[in-house]
Amino acid sequence: MQLVGLGRARDLVLGGYELDAADAHRIGLVSDVVAHNVLHDRVRARLALIARRNPDAYAVAKRVLGAVGGLPLTTGQAIETLGQSLLVGTDEFADRLARARERRSGGAEQA
């Protein structure tokens, strides 16, 4: 309901209104619409991107995104800061920070 609003949610659930892919994309219910023949490639690419992410950071990001919906901006920012603070002391954070600094100083190729 938060994605599409109460009125549209009522239409979809109670009114029997059906959406095609273009309508679902237009109202923000889906993030992308692709042709069937490229769907598997698009899914594999998205999964590969997710697999390269740090699982702890990914979990924190998902929880933060779930928690901040509908909250005032400053509250959401505070929750995001708390989420980031959970990750700052990890070995993964230190490693990624070192690699980013190397790239900025021209000391290593991008990974």
Protein backbone atom coordinates (compact mmCIF):
# COMPACT_ATOMS: atom_id res chain seq x y z
CA MET A 1 0.00 0.00 0.00
CA GLN A 2 2.84 2.39 0.77
CA LEU A 3 4.17 2.02 -2.77
CA VAL A 4 1.00 2.88 -4.62
CA GLY A 5 -1.18 4.70 -2.09
CA LEU A 6 -4.40 3.71 -0.40
CA GLY A 7 -6.74 4.60 -3.27
CA ARG A 8 -4.84 2.62 -5.88
CA ALA A 9 -4.35 -0.30 -3.46
CA ARG A 10 -8.13 -0.37 -2.94
CA ASP A 11 -8.68 -0.43 -6.70
CA LEU A 12 -6.26 -3.31 -7.11
CA VAL A 13 -7.46 -5.41 -4.19
CA LEU A 14 -11.17 -4.66 -4.01
CA GLY A 15 -12.03 -3.46 -7.47
CA GLY A 16 -10.52 -6.28 -9.46
CA TYR A 17 -8.44 -3.80 -11.42
CA GLU A 18 -5.61 -5.54 -13.28
CA LEU A 19 -2.27 -4.00 -14.19
CA ASP A 20 -0.13 -4.75 -17.16
CA ALA A 21 3.66 -4.46 -16.83
CA ALA A 22 3.77 -0.90 -18.15
CA ASP A 23 1.15 0.29 -15.64
CA ALA A 24 2.90 -1.50 -12.77
CA HIS A 25 6.14 0.26 -13.73
CA ARG A 26 4.45 3.65 -14.15
CA ILE A 27 2.97 3.58 -10.63
CA GLY A 28 6.19 2.32 -9.03
CA LEU A 29 5.00 -1.18 -8.19
CA VAL A 30 7.89 -2.70 -10.14
CA SER A 31 11.29 -1.16 -10.75
CA ASP A 32 11.93 -2.44 -14.25
CA VAL A 33 10.15 -4.06 -17.17
CA VAL A 34 12.15 -6.13 -19.63
CA ALA A 35 11.42 -8.29 -22.62
CA HIS A 36 11.03 -11.98 -21.89
CA ASN A 37 14.07 -12.90 -24.00
CA VAL A 38 16.42 -10.81 -21.79
CA LEU A 39 14.81 -11.57 -18.43
CA HIS A 40 17.21 -14.35 -17.41
CA ASP A 41 20.26 -12.28 -18.33
CA ARG A 42 18.91 -9.30 -16.37
CA VAL A 43 18.20 -11.49 -13.33
CA ARG A 44 21.69 -13.05 -13.48
CA ALA A 45 23.29 -9.61 -13.70
CA ARG A 46 21.28 -8.34 -10.72
CA LEU A 47 22.13 -11.43 -8.65
CA ALA A 48 25.81 -11.09 -9.54
CA LEU A 49 25.74 -7.49 -8.31
CA ILE A 50 24.08 -8.52 -5.05
CA ALA A 51 26.54 -11.40 -4.57
CA ARG A 52 29.48 -8.95 -4.76
CA ARG A 53 28.07 -6.90 -1.89
CA ASN A 54 29.01 -7.43 1.71
CA PRO A 55 26.22 -9.53 3.27
CA ASP A 56 26.30 -7.61 6.56
CA ALA A 57 26.06 -4.24 4.80
CA TYR A 58 23.30 -5.57 2.58
CA ALA A 59 21.34 -6.82 5.60
CA VAL A 60 21.71 -3.48 7.40
CA ALA A 61 20.64 -1.58 4.28
CA LYS A 62 17.52 -3.74 3.91
CA ARG A 63 16.58 -3.21 7.55
CA VAL A 64 17.16 0.54 7.36
CA LEU A 65 15.08 0.84 4.20
CA GLY A 66 12.30 -1.15 5.82
CA ALA A 67 12.38 0.94 8.98
CA VAL A 68 12.44 4.46 7.56
CA GLY A 69 9.40 4.36 5.28
CA GLY A 70 6.94 7.06 6.30
CA LEU A 71 9.20 8.55 8.96
CA PRO A 72 10.33 12.18 8.95
CA LEU A 73 13.54 12.76 7.00
CA THR A 74 15.65 13.56 10.05
CA THR A 75 14.50 10.39 11.80
CA GLY A 76 15.31 8.34 8.72
CA GLN A 77 18.75 9.92 8.53
CA ALA A 78 19.38 9.10 12.18
CA ILE A 79 18.42 5.46 11.60
CA GLU A 80 20.69 5.34 8.53
CA THR A 81 23.57 6.74 10.60
CA LEU A 82 22.99 4.08 13.25
CA GLY A 83 23.01 1.41 10.57
CA GLN A 84 26.28 2.70 9.15
CA SER A 85 27.83 2.81 12.60
CA LEU A 86 27.22 -0.93 12.93
CA LEU A 87 29.49 -1.52 9.95
CA VAL A 88 32.32 0.99 10.49
CA GLY A 89 34.30 -1.22 12.84
CA THR A 90 34.25 -4.32 10.65
CA ASP A 91 37.23 -5.76 8.79
CA GLU A 92 35.26 -5.54 5.55
CA PHE A 93 34.77 -1.79 6.02
CA ALA A 94 38.47 -1.25 6.69
CA ASP A 95 39.43 -3.29 3.61
CA ARG A 96 37.03 -1.45 1.29
CA LEU A 97 38.10 1.92 2.67
CA ALA A 98 41.76 1.08 2.06
CA ARG A 99 40.99 0.00 -1.51
CA ALA A 100 39.02 3.19 -2.17
CA ARG A 101 41.91 5.30 -0.87
CA GLU A 102 44.32 3.39 -3.10
CA ARG A 103 42.16 4.04 -6.15
CA ARG A 104 41.95 7.75 -5.34
CA SER A 105 45.71 8.04 -4.95
CA GLY A 106 46.27 6.12 -8.20
CA GLY A 107 47.93 3.22 -6.39
CA ALA A 108 45.75 0.41 -7.74
CA GLU A 109 43.42 -0.43 -10.58
CA GLN A 110 39.71 -0.49 -9.85
CA ALA A 111 38.38 -3.89 -8.80
